[in-house]
Amino acid sequence: MIEWFTWLQVAVAVVAGLLCVTLGFLGKKPSDLTLGSLALVEVLLVVQLVIAIVAPFTGNTAVGSVLEFYTYLVSAILLPVAAAFWALVDRSKWSTVILGVVGLAIAVMVYRMQQIWTTLPL
């Protein structure tokens, strides 16, 4: 993983998550803004997948469990898709809140992926 890209992903996911949670609690239904913010998070996750595939060939190998890393990454990639599907099926304020919770969860998952990639296991 690339450290600056990790922090970019975490920041975008937190902003998207807080935006969606706030709008959800204000009673707003899913919109282009909320779904678009989560789509940006998804695009960054797909870029992260490409980086994770290419990085070992450039000498940037994972220190921790590669299986655990890719489990986090694939799960994180699937979460926005599932949340967006939910938001399109159930167009209520609660689906907007779910979009936000997913954004915040992805921020934590990306941070954990950085730990797995760079920190020696105990």
Foldseek 3Di string as FASTA:
>chain_A
DDVVLLVVLLVLLLVLLVVLQVCLVVKAWDDCSNLVSLVVSLVSLVVVVVCQVCVVVVVQFAQADPVVLVVLSVVLNVQSVVLVVVSVVDGTSVSSNSSSVSSNVNSVSSVVSVCRRPPHDD
